[in-house]
Amino acid sequence: MDPEDLKKAIEMVKKEGKLNLKAVIAVDIFGAPCEFDEIIKIAHENGMKVLEDAAQSYGSTYHGKRAGAVADMVATSFYPTKPLACYGDGGAVFTNSEEEYNLLVSCRVHGMSATDHYDNLRLGVTGRLDSLQGAVLLEKLKIFDEELVKRTIIAKTYDEKLSSYYGRQRILDNTTSAYALYTINCEDRDELMTYLKEHNIPCGAYYPRPVNTQTAYTKWNTRRLPVCEKLSKTVLSIPMHPYLEAEAQEYVINTMNEFASQKAKKAA
């Protein structure tokens, strides 16, 4: 999230007077934290809280703090594709507010009262983490820091060896990424995707449809997001997990560099 663009969006919405602004949801895309100092300052100046979507960034750091300890409230995911993963659906919410904690506990179990388990005070959900997923996560937590180091080593190899034809994700100063995904930027994304799949290299476009273009949000969508919309057509995520063998990574790098070389020859 661009803090300067956030300012403009807040000013525009206030001017329209159609919405009652309550919160800013900042998404840590691909594993890297947002610029939270500025985002939190802007939000608080406008009477809003900041909710951090750390689904892909759990394990990252922002100015020495781990994801989950920066914003007013933070949610993360333990879905199998995430850095800290269970074997099914799961997630967690973090807050420093006791009042919000009690509210979350209630909402997690149907909206249940803390004193009378047969009285629901509010509309809630069934959001409990089942015991099997909890057991998996307890074991995976023991190796989580080690896996983060392995992800970083793989990402650095990509950074150093991939052709400059591909753009890299910017990681802010004084932050570290959890590298849930390693994502490059390529103007020939769709052609590159086809090329990689022909060479049996899994890859994916995350995400081909920005939220502001989706049907469910049409009535609230009052502005375009040109940078987001452009990137949705050019970003591509390539193999990334802690146990990606050196030989496999070398194959990915060589194949991508061959594609870049072919493009350079055609352009010459």
Protein backbone atom coordinates (compact mmCIF):
# COMPACT_ATOMS: atom_id res chain seq x y z
CA MET A 1 0.00 0.00 0.00
CA ASP A 2 1.31 3.42 -1.02
CA PRO A 3 0.92 5.84 1.94
CA GLU A 4 0.60 8.85 -0.38
CA ASP A 5 -2.15 7.13 -2.36
CA LEU A 6 -3.85 6.22 0.93
CA LYS A 7 -4.00 9.93 1.84
CA LYS A 8 -5.63 10.75 -1.49
CA ALA A 9 -8.16 7.92 -1.10
CA ILE A 10 -9.16 9.08 2.40
CA GLU A 11 -9.59 12.67 1.21
CA MET A 12 -11.68 11.53 -1.74
CA VAL A 13 -13.98 9.31 0.36
CA LYS A 14 -14.46 12.02 2.97
CA LYS A 15 -15.34 14.51 0.26
CA GLU A 16 -17.94 12.14 -1.21
CA GLY A 17 -19.47 11.63 2.24
CA LYS A 18 -20.93 8.21 1.37
CA LEU A 19 -18.91 6.01 3.72
CA ASN A 20 -18.13 6.09 7.44
CA LEU A 21 -14.40 5.34 7.53
CA LYS A 22 -13.40 2.88 10.24
CA ALA A 23 -10.22 1.05 9.28
CA VAL A 24 -7.38 0.63 6.81
CA ILE A 25 -6.55 -2.95 5.79
CA ALA A 26 -2.93 -3.15 4.66
CA VAL A 27 -1.90 -6.36 2.88
CA ASP A 28 1.65 -7.72 3.21
CA ILE A 29 1.82 -9.10 -0.29
CA PHE A 30 4.05 -12.13 -1.06
CA GLY A 31 5.61 -12.01 2.44
CA ALA A 32 6.95 -8.46 2.69
CA PRO A 33 5.58 -5.93 5.22
CA CYS A 34 3.96 -2.65 4.22
CA GLU A 35 5.25 0.78 5.25
CA PHE A 36 3.40 0.66 8.55
CA ASP A 37 4.85 3.73 10.29
CA GLU A 38 3.34 6.02 7.66
CA ILE A 39 0.15 3.99 7.20
CA ILE A 40 -0.58 3.87 10.94
CA LYS A 41 0.13 7.59 11.31
CA ILE A 42 -2.24 8.50 8.47
CA ALA A 43 -4.97 6.16 9.71
CA HIS A 44 -4.81 7.34 13.33
CA GLU A 45 -4.85 11.00 12.26
CA ASN A 46 -8.13 10.21 10.52
CA GLY A 47 -9.65 8.30 13.43
CA MET A 48 -9.15 4.86 11.87
CA LYS A 49 -7.47 1.68 13.03
CA VAL A 50 -5.02 -0.34 10.95
CA LEU A 51 -5.71 -4.01 10.32
CA GLU A 52 -2.71 -5.92 8.96
CA ASP A 53 -3.35 -8.80 6.58
CA ALA A 54 -0.30 -10.91 7.41
CA ALA A 55 -1.56 -14.07 5.70
CA GLN A 56 1.62 -14.23 3.61
CA SER A 57 4.02 -12.39 5.91
CA TYR A 58 3.95 -14.27 9.20
CA GLY A 59 7.63 -14.58 10.13
CA SER A 60 8.66 -11.32 8.47
CA THR A 61 10.01 -8.38 10.46
CA TYR A 62 9.31 -4.65 10.39
CA HIS A 63 11.87 -2.43 12.14
CA GLY A 64 12.78 -5.26 14.48
CA LYS A 65 9.22 -6.35 15.23
CA ARG A 66 7.66 -9.57 13.95
CA ALA A 67 4.54 -9.46 11.79
CA GLY A 68 1.68 -9.62 14.26
CA ALA A 69 3.11 -6.98 16.58
CA VAL A 70 2.89 -3.82 14.48
CA ALA A 71 -0.68 -2.85 13.54
CA ASP A 72 -3.72 -2.36 15.79
CA MET A 73 -4.97 -5.83 14.88
CA VAL A 74 -3.38 -8.50 12.72
CA ALA A 75 -4.71 -11.61 11.00
CA THR A 76 -2.62 -14.39 9.53
CA SER A 77 -3.32 -17.66 7.74
CA PHE A 78 -2.05 -21.18 8.31
CA TYR A 79 -3.34 -22.46 4.97
CA PRO A 80 -0.94 -25.05 3.44
CA THR A 81 0.59 -22.54 0.99
CA LYS A 82 1.58 -20.06 3.73
CA PRO A 83 4.99 -19.79 5.49
CA LEU A 84 3.67 -21.35 8.71
CA ALA A 85 1.26 -23.95 7.41
CA CYS A 86 -1.05 -26.58 8.80
CA TYR A 87 -2.66 -29.40 6.78
CA GLY A 88 -5.94 -27.62 6.12
CA ASP A 89 -7.71 -24.36 6.89
CA GLY A 90 -6.54 -22.35 9.88
CA GLY A 91 -5.44 -18.93 11.01
CA ALA A 92 -4.92 -16.58 13.94
CA VAL A 93 -5.69 -13.02 15.00
CA PHE A 94 -3.43 -10.83 17.17
CA THR A 95 -4.38 -7.78 19.21
CA ASN A 96 -2.97 -5.83 22.18
CA SER A 97 -6.46 -4.81 23.32
CA GLU A 98 -8.15 -6.96 25.96
CA GLU A 99 -11.55 -5.66 24.86
CA GLU A 100 -10.91 -6.67 21.25
CA TYR A 101 -9.50 -10.01 22.38
CA ASN A 102 -12.69 -10.84 24.28
CA LEU A 103 -14.76 -9.78 21.28
CA LEU A 104 -12.73 -12.05 18.97
CA VAL A 105 -13.04 -15.01 21.34
CA SER A 106 -16.81 -14.51 21.36
CA CYS A 107 -17.08 -14.15 17.57
CA ARG A 108 -14.93 -17.25 17.06
CA VAL A 109 -17.53 -19.41 18.83
CA HIS A 110 -20.93 -18.33 17.44
CA GLY A 111 -20.91 -15.00 19.34
CA MET A 112 -20.96 -16.81 22.68
CA SER A 113 -21.14 -15.05 26.06
CA ALA A 114 -18.12 -15.44 28.33
CA THR A 115 -20.36 -16.24 31.31
CA ASP A 116 -23.17 -18.26 29.71
CA HIS A 117 -22.11 -20.64 26.95
CA TYR A 118 -25.72 -21.10 25.88
CA ASP A 119 -26.26 -17.37 25.29
CA ASN A 120 -24.93 -15.79 22.11
CA LEU A 121 -24.45 -12.03 22.50
CA ARG A 122 -23.80 -11.33 18.84
CA LEU A 123 -23.67 -12.96 15.44
CA GLY A 124 -20.50 -15.02 15.21
CA VAL A 125 -18.86 -17.81 13.25
CA THR A 126 -17.45 -21.27 13.87
CA GLY A 127 -13.81 -20.22 13.75
CA ARG A 128 -12.11 -22.67 16.09
CA LEU A 129 -8.85 -24.28 15.00
CA ASP A 130 -9.31 -28.05 15.21
CA SER A 131 -6.94 -30.15 17.32
CA LEU A 132 -5.27 -31.87 14.36
CA GLN A 133 -4.27 -28.55 12.80
CA GLY A 134 -3.08 -27.30 16.19
CA ALA A 135 -0.89 -30.37 16.63
CA VAL A 136 0.64 -29.88 13.18
CA LEU A 137 1.35 -26.21 13.88
CA LEU A 138 3.01 -26.94 17.25
CA GLU A 139 5.49 -29.22 15.50
CA LYS A 140 6.05 -26.86 12.56
CA LEU A 141 6.70 -23.95 14.92
CA LYS A 142 9.80 -25.82 16.12
CA ILE A 143 11.39 -25.55 12.66
CA PHE A 144 9.74 -22.31 11.53
CA ASP A 145 12.77 -20.03 12.06
CA GLU A 146 14.98 -22.52 10.24
CA GLU A 147 12.56 -22.60 7.31
CA LEU A 148 12.52 -18.79 7.15
CA VAL A 149 16.32 -18.80 6.80
CA LYS A 150 16.08 -21.37 3.99
CA ARG A 151 13.47 -19.28 2.18
CA THR A 152 15.71 -16.21 2.41
CA ILE A 153 18.72 -18.09 1.01
CA ILE A 154 16.66 -19.30 -1.95
CA ALA A 155 15.31 -15.77 -2.56
CA LYS A 156 18.85 -14.33 -2.53
CA THR A 157 19.94 -16.91 -5.10
CA TYR A 158 17.06 -15.85 -7.34
CA ASP A 159 17.96 -12.18 -6.77
CA GLU A 160 21.57 -12.76 -7.77
CA LYS A 161 21.21 -15.19 -10.67
CA LEU A 162 18.00 -14.28 -12.48
CA SER A 163 18.35 -12.04 -15.52
CA SER A 164 17.82 -8.30 -15.06
CA TYR A 165 15.04 -8.74 -17.63
CA TYR A 166 12.84 -9.56 -14.65
CA GLY A 167 11.80 -6.99 -12.09
CA ARG A 168 12.16 -7.89 -8.41
CA GLN A 169 9.81 -7.10 -5.55
CA ARG A 170 11.00 -4.17 -3.46
CA ILE A 171 11.68 -5.07 0.18
CA LEU A 172 11.59 -1.97 2.39
CA ASP A 173 14.64 -0.91 4.43
CA ASN A 174 14.78 -2.33 7.97
CA THR A 175 12.36 -5.11 7.03
CA THR A 176 12.63 -8.78 6.13
CA SER A 177 10.28 -10.85 4.00
CA ALA A 178 8.89 -14.27 4.89
CA TYR A 179 8.98 -15.07 1.15
CA ALA A 180 5.68 -16.89 1.10
CA LEU A 181 6.07 -16.43 -2.66
CA TYR A 182 8.91 -15.26 -4.86
CA THR A 183 7.34 -13.02 -7.45
CA ILE A 184 8.93 -11.33 -10.44
CA ASN A 185 7.59 -8.66 -12.78
CA CYS A 186 7.64 -9.38 -16.52
CA GLU A 187 5.96 -7.51 -19.37
CA ASP A 188 5.64 -10.82 -21.25
CA ARG A 189 4.12 -12.57 -18.22
CA ASP A 190 1.59 -14.77 -20.01
CA GLU A 191 4.14 -15.88 -22.62
CA LEU A 192 6.68 -16.59 -19.87
CA MET A 193 4.09 -18.58 -17.93
CA THR A 194 3.39 -20.76 -20.95
CA TYR A 195 7.13 -21.24 -21.53
CA LEU A 196 7.76 -22.32 -17.94
CA LYS A 197 4.86 -24.75 -17.93
CA GLU A 198 6.12 -26.27 -21.17
CA HIS A 199 9.35 -26.92 -19.26
CA ASN A 200 7.43 -28.47 -16.33
CA ILE A 201 8.07 -25.54 -14.01
CA PRO A 202 5.04 -24.67 -11.85
CA CYS A 203 4.19 -20.98 -11.64
CA GLY A 204 1.18 -18.79 -11.04
CA ALA A 205 -0.15 -15.26 -11.52
CA TYR A 206 -1.04 -13.87 -8.10
CA TYR A 207 -3.36 -12.18 -8.56
CA PRO A 208 -4.91 -11.83 -12.04
CA ARG A 209 -8.02 -10.00 -10.79
CA PRO A 210 -7.56 -7.08 -8.36
CA VAL A 211 -10.24 -6.74 -5.68
CA ASN A 212 -11.41 -3.36 -7.00
CA THR A 213 -12.34 -4.99 -10.33
CA GLN A 214 -14.40 -7.81 -8.85
CA THR A 215 -18.17 -7.89 -9.17
CA ALA A 216 -18.91 -8.07 -5.43
CA TYR A 217 -17.24 -4.69 -4.85
CA THR A 218 -18.65 -2.83 -7.85
CA LYS A 219 -21.01 -0.57 -5.91
CA TRP A 220 -18.18 0.66 -3.65
CA ASN A 221 -15.55 1.01 -6.34
CA THR A 222 -15.24 4.73 -7.02
CA ARG A 223 -11.69 4.88 -8.35
CA ARG A 224 -9.23 2.91 -10.41
CA LEU A 225 -5.97 1.53 -9.04
CA PRO A 226 -3.74 1.76 -12.14
CA VAL A 227 -0.54 0.40 -10.56
CA CYS A 228 -2.35 -2.57 -9.03
CA GLU A 229 -4.23 -3.26 -12.25
CA LYS A 230 -1.04 -3.12 -14.34
CA LEU A 231 0.86 -5.43 -11.98
CA SER A 232 -1.97 -7.95 -12.09
CA LYS A 233 -1.04 -8.45 -15.74
CA THR A 234 2.74 -8.64 -15.27
CA VAL A 235 3.57 -10.42 -11.99
CA LEU A 236 4.43 -14.12 -11.84
CA SER A 237 5.29 -16.30 -8.84
CA ILE A 238 7.91 -19.00 -9.36
CA PRO A 239 8.80 -22.04 -7.21
CA MET A 240 9.52 -21.11 -3.58
CA HIS A 241 9.52 -23.32 -0.51
CA PRO A 242 12.17 -24.12 2.14
CA TYR A 243 13.04 -27.49 0.62
CA LEU A 244 13.56 -26.42 -2.98
CA GLU A 245 16.71 -28.29 -3.95
CA ALA A 246 19.64 -26.44 -5.50
CA GLU A 247 19.37 -28.49 -8.70
CA ALA A 248 15.69 -27.58 -9.11
CA GLN A 249 16.36 -23.92 -8.45
CA GLU A 250 19.21 -23.92 -10.96
CA TYR A 251 16.85 -25.40 -13.56
CA VAL A 252 14.26 -22.66 -12.90
CA ILE A 253 16.90 -19.93 -13.17
CA ASN A 254 18.48 -21.32 -16.36
CA THR A 255 15.09 -21.76 -18.03
CA MET A 256 13.98 -18.25 -17.17
CA ASN A 257 17.28 -16.78 -18.30
CA GLU A 258 16.95 -18.65 -21.61
CA PHE A 259 13.55 -17.03 -22.11
CA ALA A 260 15.03 -13.60 -21.33
CA SER A 261 17.90 -14.23 -23.75
CA GLN A 262 15.50 -15.20 -26.54
CA LYS A 263 13.53 -12.01 -25.97
CA ALA A 264 16.69 -9.91 -26.07
CA LYS A 265 17.76 -11.49 -29.39
CA LYS A 266 14.36 -10.79 -30.97
CA ALA A 267 14.49 -7.18 -29.81
CA ALA A 268 18.05 -6.65 -31.16
